Amino acid sequence: MLLSEFFPMDVRYAGVSLEYQGGQMEFAPVIAASLLALVGGGTNIVLVAGFVVVAALGSVVAIWRAPETRGHR
């Protein structure tokens, strides 16, 4: 419901679709594999865990900074 509130009615479907498709973490597996290879592979997942934490914090900040849309047209 959050994404649909950011777009006017006439472009809502296209706006939500673009936002959803563009916001997917398409490159997350590539980044995680690169970080794992950087530290030599195996079970040393410290950099991968750090990447996941940074991505999660970025999501929290984005949600926190999103404007309130209740009552706005």
Protein backbone atom coordinates (compact mmCIF):
# COMPACT_ATOMS: atom_id res chain seq x y z
CA MET A 1 0.00 0.00 0.00
CA LEU A 2 2.92 2.36 0.65
CA LEU A 3 4.14 2.51 -2.95
CA SER A 4 0.74 3.13 -4.50
CA GLU A 5 0.25 6.25 -2.37
CA PHE A 6 3.20 8.00 -4.02
CA PHE A 7 1.64 8.10 -7.50
CA PRO A 8 -1.44 9.83 -8.92
CA MET A 9 -4.33 7.63 -10.07
CA ASP A 10 -3.64 7.98 -13.80
CA VAL A 11 -0.05 6.64 -13.57
CA ARG A 12 -0.29 4.54 -10.41
CA TYR A 13 0.04 1.12 -12.03
CA ALA A 14 3.09 2.11 -14.11
CA GLY A 15 4.68 3.97 -11.20
CA VAL A 16 4.32 1.11 -8.76
CA SER A 17 5.58 -1.38 -11.34
CA LEU A 18 8.67 0.66 -12.15
CA GLU A 19 9.37 1.29 -8.48
CA TYR A 20 8.98 -2.38 -7.59
CA GLN A 21 11.08 -3.70 -10.46
CA GLY A 22 13.77 -1.05 -10.05
CA GLY A 23 13.95 -1.47 -6.32
CA GLN A 24 14.67 -5.18 -6.35
CA MET A 25 18.13 -6.13 -5.21
CA GLU A 26 19.07 -7.55 -8.61
CA PHE A 27 22.77 -7.34 -7.98
CA ALA A 28 22.78 -8.56 -4.39
CA PRO A 29 23.86 -12.14 -5.26
CA VAL A 30 26.68 -10.82 -7.47
CA ILE A 31 27.86 -8.43 -4.76
CA ALA A 32 27.66 -11.13 -2.09
CA ALA A 33 29.58 -13.61 -4.23
CA SER A 34 32.23 -10.98 -4.97
CA LEU A 35 32.61 -10.14 -1.29
CA LEU A 36 32.86 -13.82 -0.42
CA ALA A 37 35.50 -14.34 -3.10
CA LEU A 38 37.38 -11.29 -1.83
CA VAL A 39 37.90 -12.90 1.57
CA GLY A 40 38.81 -16.28 0.14
CA GLY A 41 35.43 -18.02 0.23
CA GLY A 42 34.64 -20.74 2.70
CA THR A 43 32.68 -19.82 5.77
CA ASN A 44 34.15 -16.34 6.22
CA ILE A 45 30.94 -14.37 5.64
CA VAL A 46 31.76 -11.22 7.60
CA LEU A 47 31.72 -8.93 4.54
CA VAL A 48 28.53 -10.51 3.21
CA ALA A 49 26.84 -10.04 6.59
CA GLY A 50 28.01 -6.43 6.62
CA PHE A 51 26.54 -5.91 3.16
CA VAL A 52 23.19 -7.29 4.31
CA VAL A 53 23.22 -5.03 7.38
CA VAL A 54 23.99 -1.95 5.25
CA ALA A 55 21.21 -2.83 2.80
CA ALA A 56 18.75 -3.30 5.67
CA LEU A 57 19.76 0.01 7.24
CA GLY A 58 19.28 1.70 3.88
CA SER A 59 15.75 0.32 3.75
CA VAL A 60 15.00 1.53 7.26
CA VAL A 61 16.25 5.03 6.42
CA ALA A 62 14.19 5.10 3.20
CA ILE A 63 11.03 4.12 5.07
CA TRP A 64 11.75 6.60 7.85
CA ARG A 65 12.30 9.44 5.35
CA ALA A 66 9.19 8.65 3.25
CA PRO A 67 6.61 11.43 3.46
CA GLU A 68 3.26 10.95 5.14
CA THR A 69 0.62 10.67 2.43
CA ARG A 70 -2.54 10.47 4.52
CA GLY A 71 -4.91 13.22 3.50
CA HIS A 72 -2.86 14.30 0.46
CA ARG A 73 -4.10 14.03 -3.13
